[in-house]
Amino acid sequence: AKTDKWTLELSSRYDKINSFHEGILDTTYKISPKWKLGIYERYNFNSSDLAEQEYTFERDLHCWIMQVTWNIKDGETIWVVFKTKAFPKLPFEFARSYHMPKAGSQSEGG
């Protein structure tokens, strides 16, 4: 279901062989033109508990979209995501690493 302010998705995953059944609720509420709130819940019918919970605040920053997400699964995780509006699928990758200078480079010690 979708309105100007709400989106709502309900789904179910069922595996008869492994006797596995989950229900999923995914909803988004548009608080204002710049703010959205998202809620994702995954319920395990076999164990009668929430298998995963996720809460997201999204802010439109004109050229960027920022998301702050709190995920509760086997522990708790919080992450911040920035997406460009012009190229939403363009990844930005950050990693901590160190590459040894190549032999003969100016940065080689000696």
PDB file of N, CA and C in Angstrom:
ATOM      1  N   ALA A   1       0.847  -1.173   0.000  1.00  0.00           N
ATOM      2  CA  ALA A   1       0.000   0.000   0.000  1.00  0.00           C
ATOM      3  C   ALA A   1       0.894   1.239   0.000  1.00  0.00           C
ATOM      4  N   LYS A   2       0.443   2.288  -0.674  1.00  0.00           N
ATOM      5  CA  LYS A   2       1.240   3.498  -0.761  1.00  0.00           C
ATOM      6  C   LYS A   2       0.324   4.710  -0.807  1.00  0.00           C
ATOM      7  N   THR A   3       0.679   5.709   0.003  1.00  0.00           N
ATOM      8  CA  THR A   3       0.000   6.995  -0.042  1.00  0.00           C
ATOM      9  C   THR A   3       1.089   8.047  -0.203  1.00  0.00           C
ATOM     10  N   ASP A   4       0.711   9.330  -0.111  1.00  0.00           N
ATOM     11  CA  ASP A   4       1.716  10.383  -0.210  1.00  0.00           C
ATOM     12  C   ASP A   4       2.676  10.365   0.980  1.00  0.00           C
ATOM     13  N   LYS A   5       2.218   9.896   2.133  1.00  0.00           N
ATOM     14  CA  LYS A   5       3.056   9.896   3.335  1.00  0.00           C
ATOM     15  C   LYS A   5       3.524   8.509   3.755  1.00  0.00           C
ATOM     16  N   TRP A   6       2.780   7.466   3.424  1.00  0.00           N
ATOM     17  CA  TRP A   6       3.072   6.124   3.912  1.00  0.00           C
ATOM     18  C   TRP A   6       3.379   5.151   2.782  1.00  0.00           C
ATOM     19  N   THR A   7       4.310   4.234   3.031  1.00  0.00           N
ATOM     20  CA  THR A   7       4.430   3.020   2.230  1.00  0.00           C
ATOM     21  C   THR A   7       4.376   1.858   3.217  1.00  0.00           C
ATOM     22  N   LEU A   8       3.742   0.785   2.833  1.00  0.00           N
ATOM     23  CA  LEU A   8       3.601  -0.369   3.707  1.00  0.00           C
ATOM     24  C   LEU A   8       3.756  -1.627   2.867  1.00  0.00           C
ATOM     25  N   GLU A   9       4.662  -2.493   3.288  1.00  0.00           N
ATOM     26  CA  GLU A   9       4.869  -3.772   2.619  1.00  0.00           C
ATOM     27  C   GLU A   9       4.806  -4.879   3.658  1.00  0.00           C
ATOM     28  N   LEU A  10       4.008  -5.876   3.386  1.00  0.00           N
ATOM     29  CA  LEU A  10       3.900  -7.062   4.229  1.00  0.00           C
ATOM     30  C   LEU A  10       4.264  -8.269   3.378  1.00  0.00           C
ATOM     31  N   SER A  11       5.090  -9.150   3.915  1.00  0.00           N
ATOM     32  CA  SER A  11       5.448 -10.343   3.156  1.00  0.00           C
ATOM     33  C   SER A  11       5.667 -11.506   4.114  1.00  0.00           C
ATOM     34  N   SER A  12       5.752 -12.693   3.542  1.00  0.00           N
ATOM     35  CA  SER A  12       5.921 -13.906   4.325  1.00  0.00           C
ATOM     36  C   SER A  12       6.908 -14.819   3.603  1.00  0.00           C
ATOM     37  N   ARG A  13       7.787 -15.453   4.394  1.00  0.00           N
ATOM     38  CA  ARG A  13       8.712 -16.448   3.843  1.00  0.00           C
ATOM     39  C   ARG A  13       8.397 -17.778   4.525  1.00  0.00           C
ATOM     40  N   TYR A  14       8.180 -18.805   3.698  1.00  0.00           N
ATOM     41  CA  TYR A  14       7.799 -20.104   4.242  1.00  0.00           C
ATOM     42  C   TYR A  14       8.579 -21.192   3.518  1.00  0.00           C
ATOM     43  N   ASP A  15       9.173 -22.087   4.283  1.00  0.00           N
ATOM     44  CA  ASP A  15       9.912 -23.229   3.740  1.00  0.00           C
ATOM     45  C   ASP A  15       9.319 -24.489   4.370  1.00  0.00           C
ATOM     46  N   LYS A  16       8.558 -25.243   3.593  1.00  0.00           N
ATOM     47  CA  LYS A  16       7.869 -26.424   4.119  1.00  0.00           C
ATOM     48  C   LYS A  16       8.845 -27.535   4.501  1.00  0.00           C
ATOM     49  N   ILE A  17       9.916 -27.689   3.734  1.00  0.00           N
ATOM     50  CA  ILE A  17      10.879 -28.756   4.005  1.00  0.00           C
ATOM     51  C   ILE A  17      11.567 -28.553   5.352  1.00  0.00           C
ATOM     52  N   ASN A  18      12.026 -27.336   5.616  1.00  0.00           N
ATOM     53  CA  ASN A  18      12.723 -27.045   6.870  1.00  0.00           C
ATOM     54  C   ASN A  18      11.792 -26.502   7.958  1.00  0.00           C
ATOM     55  N   SER A  19      10.501 -26.472   7.686  1.00  0.00           N
ATOM     56  CA  SER A  19       9.499 -25.974   8.627  1.00  0.00           C
ATOM     57  C   SER A  19       9.884 -24.599   9.171  1.00  0.00           C
ATOM     58  N   PHE A  20      10.065 -23.675   8.248  1.00  0.00           N
ATOM     59  CA  PHE A  20      10.535 -22.332   8.567  1.00  0.00           C
ATOM     60  C   PHE A  20       9.505 -21.326   8.067  1.00  0.00           C
ATOM     61  N   HIS A  21       9.099 -20.372   8.938  1.00  0.00           N
ATOM     62  CA  HIS A  21       8.107 -19.381   8.542  1.00  0.00           C
ATOM     63  C   HIS A  21       8.420 -18.042   9.207  1.00  0.00           C
ATOM     64  N   GLU A  22       8.542 -16.995   8.382  1.00  0.00           N
ATOM     65  CA  GLU A  22       8.790 -15.643   8.874  1.00  0.00           C
ATOM     66  C   GLU A  22       7.798 -14.678   8.235  1.00  0.00           C
ATOM     67  N   GLY A  23       7.455 -13.650   8.979  1.00  0.00           N
ATOM     68  CA  GLY A  23       6.641 -12.558   8.470  1.00  0.00           C
ATOM     69  C   GLY A  23       7.461 -11.279   8.488  1.00  0.00           C
ATOM     70  N   ILE A  24       7.293 -10.441   7.476  1.00  0.00           N
ATOM     71  CA  ILE A  24       8.089  -9.222   7.349  1.00  0.00           C
ATOM     72  C   ILE A  24       7.171  -8.020   7.176  1.00  0.00           C
ATOM     73  N   LEU A  25       7.457  -6.970   7.951  1.00  0.00           N
ATOM     74  CA  LEU A  25       6.776  -5.685   7.849  1.00  0.00           C
ATOM     75  C   LEU A  25       7.835  -4.647   7.495  1.00  0.00           C
ATOM     76  N   ASP A  26       7.601  -3.890   6.443  1.00  0.00           N
ATOM     77  CA  ASP A  26       8.521  -2.833   6.035  1.00  0.00           C
ATOM     78  C   ASP A  26       7.676  -1.604   5.722  1.00  0.00           C
ATOM     79  N   THR A  27       7.859  -0.543   6.502  1.00  0.00           N
ATOM     80  CA  THR A  27       7.040   0.645   6.316  1.00  0.00           C
ATOM     81  C   THR A  27       7.903   1.905   6.364  1.00  0.00           C
ATOM     82  N   THR A  28       7.464   2.925   5.656  1.00  0.00           N
ATOM     83  CA  THR A  28       8.140   4.221   5.634  1.00  0.00           C
ATOM     84  C   THR A  28       7.087   5.303   5.816  1.00  0.00           C
ATOM     85  N   TYR A  29       7.404   6.277   6.653  1.00  0.00           N
ATOM     86  CA  TYR A  29       6.523   7.415   6.870  1.00  0.00           C
ATOM     87  C   TYR A  29       7.276   8.689   6.527  1.00  0.00           C
ATOM     88  N   LYS A  30       6.705   9.496   5.658  1.00  0.00           N
ATOM     89  CA  LYS A  30       7.303  10.769   5.263  1.00  0.00           C
ATOM     90  C   LYS A  30       6.843  11.832   6.258  1.00  0.00           C
ATOM     91  N   ILE A  31       7.750  12.208   7.173  1.00  0.00           N
ATOM     92  CA  ILE A  31       7.439  13.178   8.216  1.00  0.00           C
ATOM     93  C   ILE A  31       7.248  14.569   7.621  1.00  0.00           C
ATOM     94  N   SER A  32       8.140  14.929   6.709  1.00  0.00           N
ATOM     95  CA  SER A  32       8.096  16.222   6.025  1.00  0.00           C
ATOM     96  C   SER A  32       8.786  16.030   4.674  1.00  0.00           C
ATOM     97  N   PRO A  33       8.840  17.066   3.827  1.00  0.00           N
ATOM     98  CA  PRO A  33       9.529  16.884   2.544  1.00  0.00           C
ATOM     99  C   PRO A  33      11.015  16.509   2.695  1.00  0.00           C
ATOM    100  N   LYS A  34      11.616  16.799   3.832  1.00  0.00           N
ATOM    101  CA  LYS A  34      13.045  16.518   4.029  1.00  0.00           C
ATOM    102  C   LYS A  34      13.338  15.314   4.926  1.00  0.00           C
ATOM    103  N   TRP A  35      12.358  14.839   5.699  1.00  0.00           N
ATOM    104  CA  TRP A  35      12.577  13.767   6.671  1.00  0.00           C
ATOM    105  C   TRP A  35      11.673  12.565   6.419  1.00  0.00           C
ATOM    106  N   LYS A  36      12.251  11.346   6.574  1.00  0.00           N
ATOM    107  CA  LYS A  36      11.486  10.099   6.502  1.00  0.00           C
ATOM    108  C   LYS A  36      11.904   9.195   7.655  1.00  0.00           C
ATOM    109  N   LEU A  37      10.973   8.385   8.095  1.00  0.00           N
ATOM    110  CA  LEU A  37      11.228   7.373   9.118  1.00  0.00           C
ATOM    111  C   LEU A  37      10.890   6.015   8.521  1.00  0.00           C
ATOM    112  N   GLY A  38      11.798   5.062   8.645  1.00  0.00           N
ATOM    113  CA  GLY A  38      11.569   3.715   8.132  1.00  0.00           C
ATOM    114  C   GLY A  38      11.646   2.690   9.242  1.00  0.00           C
ATOM    115  N   ILE A  39      10.771   1.685   9.189  1.00  0.00           N
ATOM    116  CA  ILE A  39      10.758   0.604  10.171  1.00  0.00           C
ATOM    117  C   ILE A  39      10.684  -0.719   9.414  1.00  0.00           C
ATOM    118  N   TYR A  40      11.580  -1.640   9.772  1.00  0.00           N
ATOM    119  CA  TYR A  40      11.620  -2.983   9.193  1.00  0.00           C
ATOM    120  C   TYR A  40      11.602  -3.977  10.344  1.00  0.00           C
ATOM    121  N   GLU A  41      10.666  -4.906  10.323  1.00  0.00           N
ATOM    122  CA  GLU A  41      10.549  -5.923  11.373  1.00  0.00           C
ATOM    123  C   GLU A  41      10.429  -7.291  10.709  1.00  0.00           C
ATOM    124  N   ARG A  42      11.206  -8.252  11.207  1.00  0.00           N
ATOM    125  CA  ARG A  42      11.133  -9.628  10.694  1.00  0.00           C
ATOM    126  C   ARG A  42      10.802 -10.539  11.869  1.00  0.00           C
ATOM    127  N   TYR A  43       9.662 -11.201  11.804  1.00  0.00           N
ATOM    128  CA  TYR A  43       9.137 -12.017  12.901  1.00  0.00           C
ATOM    129  C   TYR A  43       9.254 -13.494  12.551  1.00  0.00           C
ATOM    130  N   ASN A  44       9.835 -14.274  13.467  1.00  0.00           N
ATOM    131  CA  ASN A  44       9.970 -15.713  13.275  1.00  0.00           C
ATOM    132  C   ASN A  44       8.796 -16.402  13.964  1.00  0.00           C
ATOM    133  N   PHE A  45       7.912 -17.008  13.176  1.00  0.00           N
ATOM    134  CA  PHE A  45       6.726 -17.669  13.741  1.00  0.00           C
ATOM    135  C   PHE A  45       7.084 -18.950  14.495  1.00  0.00           C
ATOM    136  N   ASN A  46       8.194 -19.606  14.119  1.00  0.00           N
ATOM    137  CA  ASN A  46       8.588 -20.849  14.794  1.00  0.00           C
ATOM    138  C   ASN A  46       9.022 -20.580  16.234  1.00  0.00           C
ATOM    139  N   SER A  47       9.836 -19.557  16.443  1.00  0.00           N
ATOM    140  CA  SER A  47      10.326 -19.256  17.798  1.00  0.00           C
ATOM    141  C   SER A  47       9.496 -18.168  18.488  1.00  0.00           C
ATOM    142  N   SER A  48       8.532 -17.609  17.784  1.00  0.00           N
ATOM    143  CA  SER A  48       7.655 -16.554  18.314  1.00  0.00           C
ATOM    144  C   SER A  48       8.424 -15.355  18.851  1.00  0.00           C
ATOM    145  N   ASP A  49       9.403 -14.897  18.059  1.00  0.00           N
ATOM    146  CA  ASP A  49      10.141 -13.698  18.466  1.00  0.00           C
ATOM    147  C   ASP A  49      10.570 -12.894  17.230  1.00  0.00           C
ATOM    148  N   LEU A  50      11.008 -11.673  17.499  1.00  0.00           N
ATOM    149  CA  LEU A  50      11.508 -10.820  16.419  1.00  0.00           C
ATOM    150  C   LEU A  50      12.911 -11.278  16.046  1.00  0.00           C
ATOM    151  N   ALA A  51      13.098 -11.655  14.793  1.00  0.00           N
ATOM    152  CA  ALA A  51      14.404 -12.097  14.320  1.00  0.00           C
ATOM    153  C   ALA A  51      15.289 -10.902  13.978  1.00  0.00           C
ATOM    154  N   GLU A  52      14.649  -9.784  13.570  1.00  0.00           N
ATOM    155  CA  GLU A  52      15.416  -8.587  13.213  1.00  0.00           C
ATOM    156  C   GLU A  52      14.517  -7.366  13.312  1.00  0.00           C
ATOM    157  N   GLN A  53      15.108  -6.262  13.772  1.00  0.00           N
ATOM    158  CA  GLN A  53      14.428  -4.970  13.820  1.00  0.00           C
ATOM    159  C   GLN A  53      15.378  -3.937  13.223  1.00  0.00           C
ATOM    160  N   GLU A  54      14.819  -2.986  12.487  1.00  0.00           N
ATOM    161  CA  GLU A  54      15.648  -1.937  11.905  1.00  0.00           C
ATOM    162  C   GLU A  54      14.851  -0.640  11.862  1.00  0.00           C
ATOM    163  N   TYR A  55      15.490   0.437  12.327  1.00  0.00           N
ATOM    164  CA  TYR A  55      14.848   1.753  12.369  1.00  0.00           C
ATOM    165  C   TYR A  55      15.757   2.737  11.650  1.00  0.00           C
ATOM    166  N   THR A  56      15.205   3.487  10.700  1.00  0.00           N
ATOM    167  CA  THR A  56      16.008   4.384   9.878  1.00  0.00           C
ATOM    168  C   THR A  56      15.394   5.778   9.846  1.00  0.00           C
ATOM    169  N   PHE A  57      16.231   6.785  10.076  1.00  0.00           N
ATOM    170  CA  PHE A  57      15.869   8.176   9.821  1.00  0.00           C
ATOM    171  C   PHE A  57      16.594   8.597   8.560  1.00  0.00           C
ATOM    172  N   GLU A  58      15.864   9.218   7.643  1.00  0.00           N
ATOM    173  CA  GLU A  58      16.447   9.682   6.383  1.00  0.00           C
ATOM    174  C   GLU A  58      16.243  11.178   6.263  1.00  0.00           C
ATOM    175  N   ARG A  59      17.291  11.886   5.843  1.00  0.00           N
ATOM    176  CA  ARG A  59      17.251  13.345   5.694  1.00  0.00           C
ATOM    177  C   ARG A  59      17.707  13.713   4.300  1.00  0.00           C
ATOM    178  N   ASP A  60      16.907  14.509   3.609  1.00  0.00           N
ATOM    179  CA  ASP A  60      17.265  15.043   2.295  1.00  0.00           C
ATOM    180  C   ASP A  60      18.155  16.265   2.520  1.00  0.00           C
ATOM    181  N   LEU A  61      19.393  16.206   2.027  1.00  0.00           N
ATOM    182  CA  LEU A  61      20.358  17.296   2.189  1.00  0.00           C
ATOM    183  C   LEU A  61      20.603  18.014   0.861  1.00  0.00           C
ATOM    184  N   HIS A  62      19.591  18.176   0.062  1.00  0.00           N
ATOM    185  CA  HIS A  62      19.604  18.831  -1.246  1.00  0.00           C
ATOM    186  C   HIS A  62      20.260  17.939  -2.306  1.00  0.00           C
ATOM    187  N   CYS A  63      21.572  17.808  -2.321  1.00  0.00           N
ATOM    188  CA  CYS A  63      22.251  16.972  -3.317  1.00  0.00           C
ATOM    189  C   CYS A  63      22.532  15.566  -2.791  1.00  0.00           C
ATOM    190  N   TRP A  64      22.383  15.381  -1.496  1.00  0.00           N
ATOM    191  CA  TRP A  64      22.677  14.120  -0.838  1.00  0.00           C
ATOM    192  C   TRP A  64      21.465  13.640  -0.052  1.00  0.00           C
ATOM    193  N   ILE A  65      21.460  12.347   0.220  1.00  0.00           N
ATOM    194  CA  ILE A  65      20.504  11.769   1.154  1.00  0.00           C
ATOM    195  C   ILE A  65      21.323  11.093   2.250  1.00  0.00           C
ATOM    196  N   MET A  66      21.026  11.420   3.494  1.00  0.00           N
ATOM    197  CA  MET A  66      21.709  10.816   4.628  1.00  0.00           C
ATOM    198  C   MET A  66      20.728   9.892   5.348  1.00  0.00           C
ATOM    199  N   GLN A  67      21.198   8.706   5.678  1.00  0.00           N
ATOM    200  CA  GLN A  67      20.401   7.757   6.445  1.00  0.00           C
ATOM    201  C   GLN A  67      21.173   7.345   7.694  1.00  0.00           C
ATOM    202  N   VAL A  68      20.491   7.345   8.826  1.00  0.00           N
ATOM    203  CA  VAL A  68      21.036   6.821  10.073  1.00  0.00           C
ATOM    204  C   VAL A  68      20.163   5.631  10.439  1.00  0.00           C
ATOM    205  N   THR A  69      20.794   4.461  10.547  1.00  0.00           N
ATOM    206  CA  THR A  69      20.046   3.224  10.762  1.00  0.00           C
ATOM    207  C   THR A  69      20.536   2.515  12.014  1.00  0.00           C
ATOM    208  N   TRP A  70      19.576   2.041  12.811  1.00  0.00           N
ATOM    209  CA  TRP A  70      19.855   1.222  13.990  1.00  0.00           C
ATOM    210  C   TRP A  70      19.271  -0.155  13.707  1.00  0.00           C
ATOM    211  N   ASN A  71      20.122  -1.183  13.681  1.00  0.00           N
ATOM    212  CA  ASN A  71      19.710  -2.539  13.378  1.00  0.00           C
ATOM    213  C   ASN A  71      19.925  -3.414  14.609  1.00  0.00           C
ATOM    214  N   ILE A  72      18.907  -4.200  14.938  1.00  0.00           N
ATOM    215  CA  ILE A  72      18.996  -5.144  16.047  1.00  0.00           C
ATOM    216  C   ILE A  72      18.776  -6.537  15.461  1.00  0.00           C
ATOM    217  N   LYS A  73      19.833  -7.292  15.400  1.00  0.00           N
ATOM    218  CA  LYS A  73      19.776  -8.671  14.924  1.00  0.00           C
ATOM    219  C   LYS A  73      20.532  -9.504  15.939  1.00  0.00           C
ATOM    220  N   ASP A  74      21.597 -10.107  15.716  1.00  0.00           N
ATOM    221  CA  ASP A  74      22.332 -10.873  16.722  1.00  0.00           C
ATOM    222  C   ASP A  74      23.082  -9.961  17.689  1.00  0.00           C
ATOM    223  N   GLY A  75      23.056  -8.708  17.468  1.00  0.00           N
ATOM    224  CA  GLY A  75      23.638  -7.660  18.292  1.00  0.00           C
ATOM    225  C   GLY A  75      23.023  -6.358  17.814  1.00  0.00           C
ATOM    226  N   GLU A  76      23.623  -5.259  18.151  1.00  0.00           N
ATOM    227  CA  GLU A  76      23.127  -3.963  17.696  1.00  0.00           C
ATOM    228  C   GLU A  76      24.174  -3.302  16.807  1.00  0.00           C
ATOM    229  N   THR A  77      23.711  -2.721  15.713  1.00  0.00           N
ATOM    230  CA  THR A  77      24.589  -2.026  14.776  1.00  0.00           C
ATOM    231  C   THR A  77      23.956  -0.699  14.413  1.00  0.00           C
ATOM    232  N   ILE A  78      24.762   0.340  14.387  1.00  0.00           N
ATOM    233  CA  ILE A  78      24.312   1.655  13.922  1.00  0.00           C
ATOM    234  C   ILE A  78      25.225   2.057  12.775  1.00  0.00           C
ATOM    235  N   TRP A  79      24.635   2.511  11.678  1.00  0.00           N
ATOM    236  CA  TRP A  79      25.457   2.997  10.588  1.00  0.00           C
ATOM    237  C   TRP A  79      24.864   4.250   9.971  1.00  0.00           C
ATOM    238  N   VAL A  80      25.735   5.031   9.359  1.00  0.00           N
ATOM    239  CA  VAL A  80      25.348   6.267   8.679  1.00  0.00           C
ATOM    240  C   VAL A  80      25.709   6.106   7.213  1.00  0.00           C
ATOM    241  N   VAL A  81      24.757   6.393   6.330  1.00  0.00           N
ATOM    242  CA  VAL A  81      24.949   6.235   4.892  1.00  0.00           C
ATOM    243  C   VAL A  81      24.666   7.565   4.213  1.00  0.00           C
ATOM    244  N   PHE A  82      25.549   7.961   3.303  1.00  0.00           N
ATOM    245  CA  PHE A  82      25.335   9.133   2.452  1.00  0.00           C
ATOM    246  C   PHE A  82      25.220   8.661   1.016  1.00  0.00           C
ATOM    247  N   LYS A  83      24.146   9.061   0.329  1.00  0.00           N
ATOM    248  CA  LYS A  83      23.943   8.722  -1.081  1.00  0.00           C
ATOM    249  C   LYS A  83      23.786  10.006  -1.878  1.00  0.00           C
ATOM    250  N   THR A  84      24.387  10.026  -3.050  1.00  0.00           N
ATOM    251  CA  THR A  84      24.168  11.179  -3.926  1.00  0.00           C
ATOM    252  C   THR A  84      22.809  11.023  -4.589  1.00  0.00           C
ATOM    253  N   LYS A  85      22.112  12.109  -4.762  1.00  0.00           N
ATOM    254  CA  LYS A  85      20.807  12.047  -5.430  1.00  0.00           C
ATOM    255  C   LYS A  85      20.971  11.894  -6.935  1.00  0.00           C
ATOM    256  N   ALA A  86      22.036  12.485  -7.507  1.00  0.00           N
ATOM    257  CA  ALA A  86      22.242  12.420  -8.949  1.00  0.00           C
ATOM    258  C   ALA A  86      22.681  11.023  -9.394  1.00  0.00           C
ATOM    259  N   PHE A  87      23.497  10.335  -8.584  1.00  0.00           N
ATOM    260  CA  PHE A  87      24.007   9.009  -8.929  1.00  0.00           C
ATOM    261  C   PHE A  87      23.836   8.077  -7.732  1.00  0.00           C
ATOM    262  N   PRO A  88      22.607   7.638  -7.441  1.00  0.00           N
ATOM    263  CA  PRO A  88      22.350   6.873  -6.208  1.00  0.00           C
ATOM    264  C   PRO A  88      23.058   5.518  -6.154  1.00  0.00           C
ATOM    265  N   LYS A  89      23.430   4.956  -7.290  1.00  0.00           N
ATOM    266  CA  LYS A  89      24.076   3.641  -7.289  1.00  0.00           C
ATOM    267  C   LYS A  89      25.596   3.734  -7.318  1.00  0.00           C
ATOM    268  N   LEU A  90      26.143   4.945  -7.350  1.00  0.00           N
ATOM    269  CA  LEU A  90      27.583   5.137  -7.357  1.00  0.00           C
ATOM    270  C   LEU A  90      28.125   4.929  -5.952  1.00  0.00           C
ATOM    271  N   PRO A  91      28.976   3.896  -5.750  1.00  0.00           N
ATOM    272  CA  PRO A  91      29.459   3.633  -4.397  1.00  0.00           C
ATOM    273  C   PRO A  91      30.643   4.521  -4.022  1.00  0.00           C
ATOM    274  N   PHE A  92      30.707   4.841  -2.750  1.00  0.00           N
ATOM    275  CA  PHE A  92      31.881   5.463  -2.146  1.00  0.00           C
ATOM    276  C   PHE A  92      32.452   4.409  -1.209  1.00  0.00           C
ATOM    277  N   GLU A  93      33.698   4.080  -1.389  1.00  0.00           N
ATOM    278  CA  GLU A  93      34.282   3.041  -0.558  1.00  0.00           C
ATOM    279  C   GLU A  93      35.392   3.625   0.298  1.00  0.00           C
ATOM    280  N   PHE A  94      35.324   3.344   1.574  1.00  0.00           N
ATOM    281  CA  PHE A  94      36.335   3.774   2.519  1.00  0.00           C
ATOM    282  C   PHE A  94      36.883   2.528   3.193  1.00  0.00           C
ATOM    283  N   ALA A  95      38.196   2.474   3.323  1.00  0.00           N
ATOM    284  CA  ALA A  95      38.808   1.344   3.999  1.00  0.00           C
ATOM    285  C   ALA A  95      40.096   1.802   4.662  1.00  0.00           C
ATOM    286  N   ARG A  96      40.397   1.185   5.762  1.00  0.00           N
ATOM    287  CA  ARG A  96      41.685   1.446   6.403  1.00  0.00           C
ATOM    288  C   ARG A  96      42.658   0.401   5.901  1.00  0.00           C
ATOM    289  N   SER A  97      43.686   0.838   5.228  1.00  0.00           N
ATOM    290  CA  SER A  97      44.690  -0.098   4.747  1.00  0.00           C
ATOM    291  C   SER A  97      45.998   0.645   4.548  1.00  0.00           C
ATOM    292  N   TYR A  98      47.060  -0.117   4.453  1.00  0.00           N
ATOM    293  CA  TYR A  98      48.371   0.457   4.232  1.00  0.00           C
ATOM    294  C   TYR A  98      49.034  -0.335   3.123  1.00  0.00           C
ATOM    295  N   HIS A  99      49.521   0.356   2.119  1.00  0.00           N
ATOM    296  CA  HIS A  99      50.217  -0.292   1.018  1.00  0.00           C
ATOM    297  C   HIS A  99      51.686   0.084   1.109  1.00  0.00           C
ATOM    298  N   MET A 100      52.540  -0.903   1.125  1.00  0.00           N
ATOM    299  CA  MET A 100      53.981  -0.645   1.158  1.00  0.00           C
ATOM    300  C   MET A 100      54.371   0.106  -0.112  1.00  0.00           C
ATOM    301  N   PRO A 101      55.292   1.076  -0.010  1.00  0.00           N
ATOM    302  CA  PRO A 101      55.754   1.770  -1.214  1.00  0.00           C
ATOM    303  C   PRO A 101      56.415   0.800  -2.173  1.00  0.00           C
ATOM    304  N   LYS A 102      56.226   1.038  -3.455  1.00  0.00           N
ATOM    305  CA  LYS A 102      56.845   0.196  -4.475  1.00  0.00           C
ATOM    306  C   LYS A 102      58.336   0.511  -4.556  1.00  0.00           C
ATOM    307  N   ALA A 103      59.109  -0.466  -4.921  1.00  0.00           N
ATOM    308  CA  ALA A 103      60.555  -0.287  -5.050  1.00  0.00           C
ATOM    309  C   ALA A 103      60.851   0.825  -6.069  1.00  0.00           C
ATOM    310  N   GLY A 104      61.709   1.751  -5.689  1.00  0.00           N
ATOM    311  CA  GLY A 104      62.080   2.837  -6.596  1.00  0.00           C
ATOM    312  C   GLY A 104      61.192   4.043  -6.489  1.00  0.00           C
ATOM    313  N   SER A 105      60.126   3.995  -5.679  1.00  0.00           N
ATOM    314  CA  SER A 105      59.237   5.152  -5.563  1.00  0.00           C
ATOM    315  C   SER A 105      59.868   6.215  -4.681  1.00  0.00           C
ATOM    316  N   GLN A 106      59.442   7.452  -4.812  1.00  0.00           N
ATOM    317  CA  GLN A 106      60.004   8.537  -4.031  1.00  0.00           C
ATOM    318  C   GLN A 106      59.681   8.409  -2.552  1.00  0.00           C
ATOM    319  N   SER A 107      58.618   7.697  -2.214  1.00  0.00           N
ATOM    320  CA  SER A 107      58.239   7.577  -0.805  1.00  0.00           C
ATOM    321  C   SER A 107      58.960   6.427  -0.116  1.00  0.00           C
ATOM    322  N   GLU A 108      59.796   5.694  -0.856  1.00  0.00           N
ATOM    323  CA  GLU A 108      60.536   4.590  -0.262  1.00  0.00           C
ATOM    324  C   GLU A 108      61.600   5.115   0.687  1.00  0.00           C
ATOM    325  N   GLY A 109      61.639   4.569   1.876  1.00  0.00           N
ATOM    326  CA  GLY A 109      62.616   5.022   2.883  1.00  0.00           C
ATOM    327  C   GLY A 109      64.035   4.664   2.468  1.00  0.00           C
ATOM    328  N   GLY A 110      65.031   5.328   3.045  1.00  0.00           N
ATOM    329  CA  GLY A 110      66.384   4.933   2.701  1.00  0.00           C
ATOM    330  C   GLY A 110      67.417   5.918   2.903  1.00  0.00           C
TER     331      GLY A 110
END
